[in-house]
Amino acid sequence: MAKDNPQFVCQECGHVAHKWMGKCPGCGAWNTLVEEAPAAEVKARVPKGASDAPSNGTTGRGPRVAPERITDVELTEAARLRTGRPEFDRVMGGGIMQGSFSLIAGDPGIGKSTLMTELGRHLPHHTILYVTGEESKRQVKLRAQRLGVDTDNLFLMAETNVEEISAAVQDLAPDLMVVDSIQTIYRPDLTSAPGSVSQVRESTASLLKLTKDLEFSSFLVGHVTKKGTIAGPRVLEHMVDTVLYFEGDRHHAYRILRSVKNRFGAANEIGVFEMREDGLREVPNPSEIFLSERGYGVSGSAVVCSMEGTRPVLVEIQALVTPSSYGTPQRTTTGFPYKRLQMLLAVLEKRAGLAFSDYDVFVNVAGGVTLDEPAVDLGVAVAAASSFRDIPSDTTAVLVGEVGLAGEIRTVSQLPPRLKEIDKLGFDRAVVPHNNLERVSAPPEGLALEGAKRLTDALDIVL
C-alpha cells in the first residue's frame, strides 16, 4: 500500500484495515471503521559528518540521559499531593503522586467535571491549570462559583491544540493540570479529526511526555461508550498511571469513584460521594448508607460483605422470584454479573432442590453499587432462596462465601477486616466458609461465627 493511501481505523478497538468493511475484524463491531489519512513521515535532518560522535559527549540529537541508580532517586513525603479529602486520597493511593498521569471516565452528567473543579477548593495553595475543550471559561467559572471555588491559583484555558497547551504549561509551571476532555484535544500535525483513534493516542502521548518531563500531575477526563468502556483506543488505559471510573446513576444522589488501575496504590479501591447542589460530599461510612433503608421481616433480602480494594463494605442484596408469565423465564440483574446469577440459580436447583425453571428472577444490589467479587455469591444465593420459599432470612447475620458448582462454600480472602466491619455495624452473626474458621485467630467479641461447608448448610442456618 502506498504511503499516501488512507487507512481505516476502528473507533472501538483501534484495529487498522486497508479498506472499509462493515464489520471490524478485530472486535466484531459494526460500522466503526473510520477513514484516516496516515501522518506524513518526518525524517530528521542529519548534518553532514554528524555520524561521528561529537567531542562534547553528545550524540548530535541533544544531551544524553545518563542512567541513574535506583538508590539515588529521591522519594519524600512531598512526592504525594494530599487534597485533604480522605475518600479521594484513598482512591489515589494516599494522595496524588507527583508526576502521575491519571484518566477519569464516566457517564455524561455523573460529576467528573465537578470533581475536577473542586480540586481548586481543596488545593488553594497549589497552581492548577484547567484546560477545557468542551466548555467556555465562563461556563467553568459559573460551576466554580456554585461549588464555592474561589482561589487565584486556578487558571482556566479554553484550548484544544496540544502545542498551545504545552506552551502554557511551560510558562505557568503548574502543580496540577486537568484536561477536560481528551477526546477534544488534537495535534495539528495529524490530519485526522479530534476524537479519532490516532488523535487521542498521539495527543495523550504528548501530554504524557510533558507531564513526566516537568514532573507535575495531570488528570484527563474521558468519555465512555454505550457499553461503559472508555472511548478511544484501548492503549489509552495502558499509557496512564491511574484509571478511575465514576459510577452511579445520575438520577440518584450517591456516586462511587473506583480505581480499576493504580500504579501507586491498591486497584479496585472505592470512594463514595453524595452529589448535592453545592458539589460532592464524602460519605465516610458507606456501609451505613447502603443499609439505611433496609427492610426487616421481608423475604428476598440478605446482607453481604464485599472487599472493595482495602475497604470492606456491607451491602444489601435484594432478590425477587415470581412465577413466569412467559415461555422463557426472565433473569435480570442490577449491580451483579448476569452470568454469575445464572450459575448460582443452577447450583440452587441442582444441589438444593429449588426449581427456578418456571420463575422470573430479579436481583438488585441496593445503593447502586456494582459487585463482582465471588465472596458475595452466598448472599445472592440466600436472597434468591429466601424469595423462592417466601421466608425472611436472619436479619442479624451477614453472609460471606464463594459458591462452587458442587454446592460447596469455598474459602475467601481478607476475612479479619470483614469481620471487624460486620461487628462495627452491630450484626450478631457471620456465616463464613467452614475452612476459614481455623484461620481466624481472634474474632471480634460479641460476633458469633457460623461455618458452612455446603450451600444447604448456609440455607439451614439463616432460613
Protein backbone atom coordinates (compact mmCIF):
# COMPACT_ATOMS: atom_id res chain seq x y z
CA MET A 1 0.00 0.00 0.00
CA ALA A 2 1.31 3.43 -0.89
CA LYS A 3 2.33 5.73 1.94
CA ASP A 4 -0.24 8.37 0.98
CA ASN A 5 -3.16 5.91 0.80
CA PRO A 6 -5.79 6.31 3.51
CA GLN A 7 -6.37 3.68 6.16
CA PHE A 8 -9.45 2.70 8.14
CA VAL A 9 -9.25 2.60 11.95
CA CYS A 10 -11.86 1.05 14.27
CA GLN A 11 -13.13 3.59 16.80
CA GLU A 12 -13.77 0.83 19.36
CA CYS A 13 -10.59 -1.30 19.37
CA GLY A 14 -8.15 0.61 17.15
CA HIS A 15 -7.83 -2.14 14.52
CA VAL A 16 -6.31 -0.83 11.26
CA ALA A 17 -7.66 -2.08 7.92
CA HIS A 18 -6.56 -1.30 4.37
CA LYS A 19 -10.12 -0.95 3.10
CA TRP A 20 -13.51 -0.16 4.56
CA MET A 21 -15.52 -3.07 5.94
CA GLY A 22 -18.91 -3.10 7.59
CA LYS A 23 -17.72 -5.32 10.43
CA CYS A 24 -14.44 -4.77 12.26
CA PRO A 25 -12.20 -7.87 12.06
CA GLY A 26 -10.72 -7.04 15.45
CA CYS A 27 -13.69 -6.60 17.80
CA GLY A 28 -16.62 -7.58 15.58
CA ALA A 29 -18.40 -4.23 15.95
CA TRP A 30 -20.41 -2.88 13.02
CA ASN A 31 -19.89 0.47 11.28
CA THR A 32 -16.94 1.52 13.47
CA LEU A 33 -14.23 1.77 10.77
CA VAL A 34 -13.41 5.41 10.01
CA GLU A 35 -11.11 6.58 7.26
CA GLU A 36 -7.95 8.30 8.47
CA ALA A 37 -5.06 9.52 6.39
CA PRO A 38 -1.75 8.42 7.89
CA ALA A 39 0.54 11.14 9.18
CA ALA A 40 3.35 12.15 6.88
CA GLU A 41 6.66 10.59 7.77
CA VAL A 42 9.07 13.10 9.22
CA LYS A 43 12.74 12.40 8.69
CA ALA A 44 15.30 14.00 10.93
CA ARG A 45 17.89 16.12 9.17
CA VAL A 46 21.35 14.88 10.00
CA PRO A 47 24.12 17.37 9.20
CA LYS A 48 26.96 16.21 7.06
CA GLY A 49 29.57 14.50 9.16
CA ALA A 50 27.24 14.11 12.12
CA SER A 51 27.75 10.37 12.11
CA ASP A 52 30.90 10.90 14.11
CA ALA A 53 30.25 11.36 17.81
CA PRO A 54 30.93 14.92 18.95
CA SER A 55 33.70 15.52 21.40
CA ASN A 56 31.35 17.12 23.96
CA GLY A 57 29.76 13.79 24.87
CA THR A 58 26.51 14.25 22.94
CA THR A 59 25.03 12.18 20.11
CA GLY A 60 24.18 15.11 17.84
CA ARG A 61 20.47 14.82 18.85
CA GLY A 62 20.78 16.58 22.18
CA PRO A 63 22.42 15.72 25.52
CA ARG A 64 22.48 12.12 26.62
CA VAL A 65 20.28 10.98 29.50
CA ALA A 66 22.52 9.04 31.84
CA PRO A 67 21.07 6.10 33.80
CA GLU A 68 20.58 6.72 37.50
CA ARG A 69 20.84 4.27 40.38
CA ILE A 70 17.51 3.47 41.99
CA THR A 71 19.05 4.23 45.40
CA ASP A 72 19.81 7.77 44.21
CA VAL A 73 16.18 8.54 43.29
CA GLU A 74 14.70 10.85 45.92
CA LEU A 75 11.34 9.88 47.40
CA THR A 76 9.97 12.06 50.20
CA GLU A 77 6.56 12.81 51.70
CA ALA A 78 6.27 15.71 49.27
CA ALA A 79 6.06 13.15 46.46
CA ARG A 80 2.32 12.85 47.17
CA LEU A 81 -0.08 15.77 46.95
CA ARG A 82 -2.76 15.31 49.60
CA THR A 83 -6.07 17.02 48.89
CA GLY A 84 -7.47 16.74 52.41
CA ARG A 85 -10.39 14.64 51.09
CA PRO A 86 -9.95 11.17 52.65
CA GLU A 87 -12.19 9.42 50.10
CA PHE A 88 -10.38 10.89 47.09
CA ASP A 89 -6.92 10.39 48.61
CA ARG A 90 -7.81 6.78 49.44
CA VAL A 91 -8.68 6.00 45.84
CA MET A 92 -5.47 7.65 44.61
CA GLY A 93 -3.39 5.51 46.98
CA GLY A 94 -2.82 8.12 49.70
CA GLY A 95 -2.75 11.26 47.58
CA ILE A 96 -1.90 12.43 44.08
CA MET A 97 1.58 11.19 43.19
CA GLN A 98 3.93 13.83 41.80
CA GLY A 99 4.38 13.26 38.07
CA SER A 100 1.35 10.94 37.85
CA PHE A 101 -0.80 10.75 34.73
CA SER A 102 -4.41 9.79 35.51
CA LEU A 103 -7.56 9.18 33.50
CA ILE A 104 -11.06 9.61 34.92
CA ALA A 105 -14.09 8.42 32.94
CA GLY A 106 -17.81 8.09 33.50
CA ASP A 107 -21.25 8.64 32.03
CA PRO A 108 -22.32 12.15 30.96
CA GLY A 109 -23.55 14.23 33.91
CA ILE A 110 -22.13 11.85 36.53
CA GLY A 111 -19.90 14.55 38.10
CA LYS A 112 -16.44 14.22 36.51
CA SER A 113 -16.04 17.94 35.83
CA THR A 114 -17.47 18.74 39.25
CA LEU A 115 -14.89 16.55 40.97
CA MET A 116 -12.03 18.07 38.98
CA THR A 117 -13.20 21.66 39.53
CA GLU A 118 -13.42 21.07 43.29
CA LEU A 119 -9.68 20.39 43.36
CA GLY A 120 -9.25 24.16 43.25
CA ARG A 121 -11.07 24.44 46.58
CA HIS A 122 -9.12 21.66 48.28
CA LEU A 123 -5.71 22.71 46.89
CA PRO A 124 -5.87 26.51 47.21
CA HIS A 125 -2.10 26.90 47.61
CA HIS A 126 -1.16 24.89 44.53
CA THR A 127 -1.21 26.12 40.95
CA ILE A 128 -3.82 24.31 38.86
CA LEU A 129 -4.28 24.64 35.11
CA TYR A 130 -7.78 23.65 33.97
CA VAL A 131 -7.87 23.09 30.20
CA THR A 132 -11.44 23.00 28.90
CA GLY A 133 -12.10 21.79 25.41
CA GLU A 134 -15.89 21.41 25.65
CA GLU A 135 -16.95 24.42 27.73
CA SER A 136 -16.12 28.09 27.69
CA LYS A 137 -14.22 29.73 30.51
CA ARG A 138 -17.39 31.44 31.67
CA GLN A 139 -19.19 28.11 31.99
CA VAL A 140 -16.39 26.75 34.14
CA LYS A 141 -16.44 29.97 36.18
CA LEU A 142 -20.17 29.55 36.86
CA ARG A 143 -19.63 25.97 38.02
CA ALA A 144 -16.75 27.07 40.23
CA GLN A 145 -18.93 29.74 41.89
CA ARG A 146 -21.66 27.18 42.55
CA LEU A 147 -19.10 24.86 44.14
CA GLY A 148 -17.53 27.58 46.26
CA VAL A 149 -14.18 27.52 44.46
CA ASP A 150 -12.54 30.92 44.93
CA THR A 151 -8.77 30.91 44.50
CA ASP A 152 -6.27 32.88 42.46
CA ASN A 153 -4.23 29.73 41.79
CA LEU A 154 -6.81 28.14 39.48
CA PHE A 155 -6.10 29.09 35.85
CA LEU A 156 -8.55 28.42 33.02
CA MET A 157 -7.62 27.79 29.41
CA ALA A 158 -10.11 27.12 26.60
CA GLU A 159 -7.87 25.35 24.12
CA THR A 160 -7.72 22.06 22.20
CA ASN A 161 -4.34 22.34 20.47
CA VAL A 162 -1.67 20.24 22.19
CA GLU A 163 1.09 22.64 21.17
CA GLU A 164 -0.69 25.63 22.74
CA ILE A 165 -1.34 23.61 25.91
CA SER A 166 2.34 22.64 26.10
CA ALA A 167 3.40 26.27 25.71
CA ALA A 168 1.04 27.33 28.51
CA VAL A 169 2.40 24.63 30.80
CA GLN A 170 5.97 25.77 30.11
CA ASP A 171 5.06 29.35 31.04
CA LEU A 172 2.83 28.62 34.06
CA ALA A 173 4.66 25.59 35.56
CA PRO A 174 1.53 24.25 37.32
CA ASP A 175 1.46 21.68 40.09
CA LEU A 176 -1.62 20.03 38.59
CA MET A 177 -3.26 20.05 35.16
CA VAL A 178 -6.79 18.95 34.24
CA VAL A 179 -7.70 18.31 30.58
CA ASP A 180 -11.47 18.16 30.01
CA SER A 181 -11.75 16.18 27.83
CA ILE A 182 -9.07 14.21 26.00
CA GLN A 183 -11.48 13.46 23.12
CA THR A 184 -11.42 17.16 22.13
CA ILE A 185 -7.63 17.57 22.08
CA TYR A 186 -5.76 17.34 18.79
CA ARG A 187 -2.28 17.56 17.32
CA PRO A 188 -2.08 19.87 14.30
CA ASP A 189 0.49 17.66 12.53
CA LEU A 190 -2.12 14.86 12.21
CA THR A 191 -4.78 15.09 9.52
CA SER A 192 -7.45 13.06 11.34
CA ALA A 193 -10.27 14.72 13.25
CA PRO A 194 -10.20 15.32 17.02
CA GLY A 195 -11.56 12.33 18.91
CA SER A 196 -10.29 9.79 16.37
CA VAL A 197 -8.13 6.89 17.48
CA SER A 198 -4.87 8.37 16.19
CA GLN A 199 -5.57 11.84 17.63
CA VAL A 200 -6.48 10.51 21.08
CA ARG A 201 -3.45 8.23 21.14
CA GLU A 202 -0.90 10.78 19.95
CA SER A 203 -2.32 13.67 21.98
CA THR A 204 -2.19 11.52 25.10
CA ALA A 205 1.40 10.56 24.32
CA SER A 206 2.38 14.23 24.00
CA LEU A 207 0.73 15.18 27.29
CA LEU A 208 2.26 12.13 28.98
CA LYS A 209 5.78 13.14 27.95
CA LEU A 210 5.12 16.72 29.07
CA THR A 211 3.89 15.51 32.47
CA LYS A 212 6.82 13.18 33.09
CA ASP A 213 9.46 15.65 31.91
CA LEU A 214 8.24 18.52 34.11
CA GLU A 215 7.10 16.23 36.98
CA PHE A 216 3.68 17.70 37.64
CA SER A 217 0.41 15.76 37.95
CA SER A 218 -2.22 15.52 35.22
CA PHE A 219 -5.83 14.36 35.03
CA LEU A 220 -7.50 13.52 31.74
CA VAL A 221 -11.31 13.45 31.61
CA GLY A 222 -12.53 10.79 29.18
CA HIS A 223 -15.83 9.86 27.58
CA VAL A 224 -17.35 6.38 27.73
CA THR A 225 -19.10 4.35 25.06
CA LYS A 226 -22.58 2.84 25.23
CA LYS A 227 -21.01 -0.30 26.72
CA GLY A 228 -19.49 1.72 29.56
CA THR A 229 -15.87 1.44 28.38
CA ILE A 230 -13.55 4.39 27.81
CA ALA A 231 -13.90 5.80 24.31
CA GLY A 232 -10.83 5.72 22.12
CA PRO A 233 -8.04 3.20 21.69
CA ARG A 234 -7.52 0.55 24.34
CA VAL A 235 -3.87 1.56 24.58
CA LEU A 236 -5.04 4.76 26.31
CA GLU A 237 -5.60 2.82 29.55
CA HIS A 238 -2.11 1.32 29.32
CA MET A 239 -0.43 4.69 28.87
CA VAL A 240 -1.79 6.31 32.03
CA ASP A 241 -0.75 5.55 35.61
CA THR A 242 -4.24 5.52 37.11
CA VAL A 243 -7.64 4.74 35.61
CA LEU A 244 -10.63 6.00 37.59
CA TYR A 245 -14.27 5.27 36.87
CA PHE A 246 -17.02 7.49 38.25
CA GLU A 247 -20.00 5.16 38.73
CA GLY A 248 -23.59 5.61 39.77
CA ASP A 249 -26.92 6.74 38.41
CA ARG A 250 -27.01 10.46 37.76
CA HIS A 251 -30.65 10.46 38.91
CA HIS A 252 -29.56 9.22 42.36
CA ALA A 253 -27.50 11.05 44.96
CA TYR A 254 -24.60 8.67 45.52
CA ARG A 255 -21.51 8.38 43.34
CA ILE A 256 -18.70 5.83 43.54
CA LEU A 257 -15.18 6.67 42.41
CA ARG A 258 -13.38 3.39 41.63
CA SER A 259 -9.75 2.87 40.64
CA VAL A 260 -9.51 -0.02 38.18
CA LYS A 261 -5.77 0.59 37.69
CA ASN A 262 -3.34 2.33 40.01
CA ARG A 263 0.44 2.13 39.84
CA PHE A 264 0.75 3.96 43.15
CA GLY A 265 -1.90 2.24 45.27
CA ALA A 266 -4.44 -0.55 45.56
CA ALA A 267 -6.53 -1.30 42.49
CA ASN A 268 -10.34 -1.55 42.80
CA GLU A 269 -10.34 0.91 45.70
CA ILE A 270 -13.52 2.94 46.00
CA GLY A 271 -14.55 6.29 47.40
CA VAL A 272 -18.21 7.13 48.00
CA PHE A 273 -19.61 10.63 47.46
CA GLU A 274 -23.02 12.23 47.69
CA MET A 275 -23.98 14.69 44.98
CA ARG A 276 -25.54 17.88 46.34
CA GLU A 277 -26.33 21.29 44.90
CA ASP A 278 -23.06 22.71 46.23
CA GLY A 279 -20.93 19.81 44.96
CA LEU A 280 -19.76 16.40 46.10
CA ARG A 281 -19.73 15.47 49.76
CA GLU A 282 -17.81 12.50 51.12
CA VAL A 283 -19.53 9.51 52.71
CA PRO A 284 -17.07 8.28 55.38
CA ASN A 285 -19.03 5.11 56.23
CA PRO A 286 -20.74 3.83 53.08
CA SER A 287 -21.96 0.63 54.77
CA GLU A 288 -24.37 2.63 56.94
CA ILE A 289 -25.69 4.44 53.87
CA PHE A 290 -26.23 1.26 51.86
CA LEU A 291 -28.08 -0.40 54.76
CA SER A 292 -30.02 2.63 55.98
CA GLU A 293 -33.22 1.78 54.07
CA ARG A 294 -33.05 -1.95 54.60
CA GLY A 295 -36.34 -3.71 55.23
CA TYR A 296 -36.82 -6.21 58.06
CA GLY A 297 -39.02 -9.27 58.06
CA VAL A 298 -39.23 -9.31 54.25
CA SER A 299 -38.18 -12.30 52.17
CA GLY A 300 -35.57 -11.98 49.44
CA SER A 301 -33.08 -9.87 51.39
CA ALA A 302 -29.56 -10.69 52.56
CA VAL A 303 -26.51 -8.68 53.67
CA VAL A 304 -23.06 -9.42 52.26
CA CYS A 305 -19.59 -8.04 52.94
CA SER A 306 -17.52 -7.23 49.86
CA MET A 307 -13.89 -6.10 49.76
CA GLU A 308 -13.51 -3.05 47.53
CA GLY A 309 -9.75 -2.62 47.39
CA THR A 310 -8.71 -2.44 51.03
CA ARG A 311 -12.13 -1.40 52.31
CA PRO A 312 -14.83 -3.85 53.49
CA VAL A 313 -18.32 -2.68 52.51
CA LEU A 314 -21.61 -4.14 53.72
CA VAL A 315 -24.35 -4.10 51.09
CA GLU A 316 -27.89 -5.44 50.93
CA ILE A 317 -28.75 -7.94 48.20
CA GLN A 318 -32.39 -7.97 47.12
CA ALA A 319 -33.99 -10.80 45.14
CA LEU A 320 -37.50 -11.26 43.78
CA VAL A 321 -38.65 -14.65 42.48
CA THR A 322 -42.10 -14.76 40.88
CA PRO A 323 -43.90 -17.23 38.57
CA SER A 324 -43.10 -16.52 34.93
CA SER A 325 -45.83 -15.22 32.63
CA TYR A 326 -43.83 -16.04 29.50
CA GLY A 327 -42.45 -19.20 27.97
CA THR A 328 -38.87 -18.26 28.80
CA PRO A 329 -38.30 -17.02 32.38
CA GLN A 330 -36.52 -13.71 32.84
CA ARG A 331 -33.18 -13.23 34.59
CA THR A 332 -32.50 -9.58 35.40
CA THR A 333 -29.64 -8.23 37.50
CA THR A 334 -28.58 -4.76 38.62
CA GLY A 335 -25.10 -4.44 40.08
CA PHE A 336 -24.27 -8.15 39.83
CA PRO A 337 -22.90 -10.20 36.89
CA TYR A 338 -25.70 -11.76 34.86
CA LYS A 339 -23.84 -14.98 34.04
CA ARG A 340 -22.84 -15.40 37.68
CA LEU A 341 -26.52 -15.28 38.66
CA GLN A 342 -27.35 -17.97 36.11
CA MET A 343 -24.67 -20.21 37.60
CA LEU A 344 -25.93 -19.70 41.16
CA LEU A 345 -29.52 -20.48 40.16
CA ALA A 346 -28.33 -23.69 38.50
CA VAL A 347 -26.47 -24.69 41.69
CA LEU A 348 -29.55 -23.95 43.82
CA GLU A 349 -31.67 -26.08 41.53
CA LYS A 350 -29.21 -28.99 41.33
CA ARG A 351 -27.84 -29.05 44.89
CA ALA A 352 -30.67 -27.54 46.96
CA GLY A 353 -33.71 -28.77 45.03
CA LEU A 354 -35.11 -25.29 44.26
CA ALA A 355 -36.60 -25.34 40.75
CA PHE A 356 -36.33 -21.88 39.15
CA SER A 357 -37.15 -23.04 35.62
CA ASP A 358 -40.71 -21.61 35.77
CA TYR A 359 -39.87 -18.44 37.72
CA ASP A 360 -38.60 -14.98 36.87
CA VAL A 361 -35.64 -13.94 38.99
CA PHE A 362 -34.69 -10.30 39.64
CA VAL A 363 -31.57 -9.44 41.66
CA ASN A 364 -30.62 -5.92 42.75
CA VAL A 365 -27.67 -4.58 44.73
CA ALA A 366 -29.09 -1.78 46.87
CA GLY A 367 -27.43 1.63 46.72
CA GLY A 368 -26.26 1.48 43.12
CA VAL A 369 -23.10 -0.48 43.91
CA THR A 370 -21.59 -2.91 41.42
CA LEU A 371 -20.27 -6.12 42.98
CA ASP A 372 -18.17 -8.67 41.12
CA GLU A 373 -16.31 -10.34 43.98
CA PRO A 374 -17.00 -14.10 44.33
CA ALA A 375 -17.36 -13.71 48.12
CA VAL A 376 -20.86 -12.25 47.65
CA ASP A 377 -22.13 -15.44 45.95
CA LEU A 378 -23.53 -16.85 49.19
CA GLY A 379 -25.61 -13.74 49.87
CA VAL A 380 -27.10 -13.74 46.36
CA ALA A 381 -27.98 -17.44 46.62
CA VAL A 382 -29.58 -17.00 50.04
CA ALA A 383 -31.60 -13.97 48.88
CA ALA A 384 -32.93 -15.93 45.88
CA ALA A 385 -33.78 -18.95 48.04
CA SER A 386 -35.46 -16.70 50.61
CA SER A 387 -37.72 -15.14 47.98
CA PHE A 388 -38.43 -18.53 46.39
CA ARG A 389 -39.56 -20.01 49.72
CA ASP A 390 -41.05 -16.67 50.85
CA ILE A 391 -39.23 -17.00 54.17
CA PRO A 392 -37.28 -13.99 55.57
CA SER A 393 -33.63 -14.69 56.25
CA ASP A 394 -31.92 -13.91 59.55
CA THR A 395 -31.61 -10.10 59.66
CA THR A 396 -28.81 -10.27 62.24
CA ALA A 397 -26.49 -12.32 60.01
CA VAL A 398 -24.03 -11.32 57.29
CA LEU A 399 -23.12 -13.85 54.60
CA VAL A 400 -19.60 -14.25 53.21
CA GLY A 401 -18.56 -17.06 50.88
CA GLU A 402 -17.95 -18.19 47.33
CA VAL A 403 -20.28 -20.88 45.98
CA GLY A 404 -18.77 -23.67 43.88
CA LEU A 405 -20.50 -25.74 41.23
CA ALA A 406 -20.71 -28.71 43.58
CA GLY A 407 -22.58 -26.59 46.11
CA GLU A 408 -19.56 -26.19 48.39
CA ILE A 409 -18.72 -22.92 50.17
CA ARG A 410 -15.18 -22.01 49.22
CA THR A 411 -12.60 -20.07 51.21
CA VAL A 412 -12.45 -16.28 50.89
CA SER A 413 -9.57 -13.88 51.49
CA GLN A 414 -9.23 -10.98 53.95
CA LEU A 415 -11.75 -12.33 56.43
CA PRO A 416 -10.46 -10.45 59.55
CA PRO A 417 -11.20 -6.94 58.18
CA ARG A 418 -14.62 -8.16 57.01
CA LEU A 419 -15.46 -9.44 60.49
CA LYS A 420 -14.29 -6.18 62.05
CA GLU A 421 -16.66 -4.19 59.81
CA ILE A 422 -19.54 -6.61 60.49
CA ASP A 423 -19.07 -6.26 64.25
CA LYS A 424 -18.73 -2.47 63.94
CA LEU A 425 -22.20 -2.17 62.38
CA GLY A 426 -23.83 -4.21 65.14
CA PHE A 427 -24.55 -7.57 63.48
CA ASP A 428 -24.68 -10.61 65.73
CA ARG A 429 -23.65 -13.42 63.38
CA ALA A 430 -21.47 -14.01 60.36
CA VAL A 431 -21.89 -17.07 58.14
CA VAL A 432 -18.49 -17.83 56.63
CA PRO A 433 -16.82 -20.78 54.86
CA HIS A 434 -16.02 -23.60 57.27
CA ASN A 435 -12.38 -23.69 56.16
CA ASN A 436 -11.97 -20.04 57.14
CA LEU A 437 -12.82 -20.70 60.80
CA GLU A 438 -9.45 -22.23 61.67
CA ARG A 439 -7.67 -19.20 60.17
CA VAL A 440 -9.44 -16.68 62.40
CA SER A 441 -7.22 -16.28 65.45
CA ALA A 442 -9.14 -13.63 67.39
CA PRO A 443 -12.72 -12.98 66.19
CA PRO A 444 -14.43 -9.82 67.48
CA GLU A 445 -16.15 -10.20 70.83
CA GLY A 446 -19.90 -10.48 70.59
CA LEU A 447 -19.84 -11.72 66.98
CA ALA A 448 -20.82 -15.36 66.53
CA LEU A 449 -19.18 -17.19 63.64
CA GLU A 450 -21.08 -19.93 61.82
CA GLY A 451 -19.13 -22.16 59.45
CA ALA A 452 -20.85 -23.64 56.40
CA LYS A 453 -19.35 -26.39 54.24
CA ARG A 454 -22.15 -26.56 51.70
CA LEU A 455 -24.83 -24.24 50.37
CA THR A 456 -27.56 -26.26 52.06
CA ASP A 457 -25.83 -25.74 55.42
CA ALA A 458 -25.97 -21.97 54.98
CA LEU A 459 -29.66 -22.11 53.99
CA ASP A 460 -30.43 -24.11 57.14
CA ILE A 461 -28.63 -21.54 59.29
CA VAL A 462 -30.33 -18.35 58.07
CA LEU A 463 -33.71 -19.59 56.76
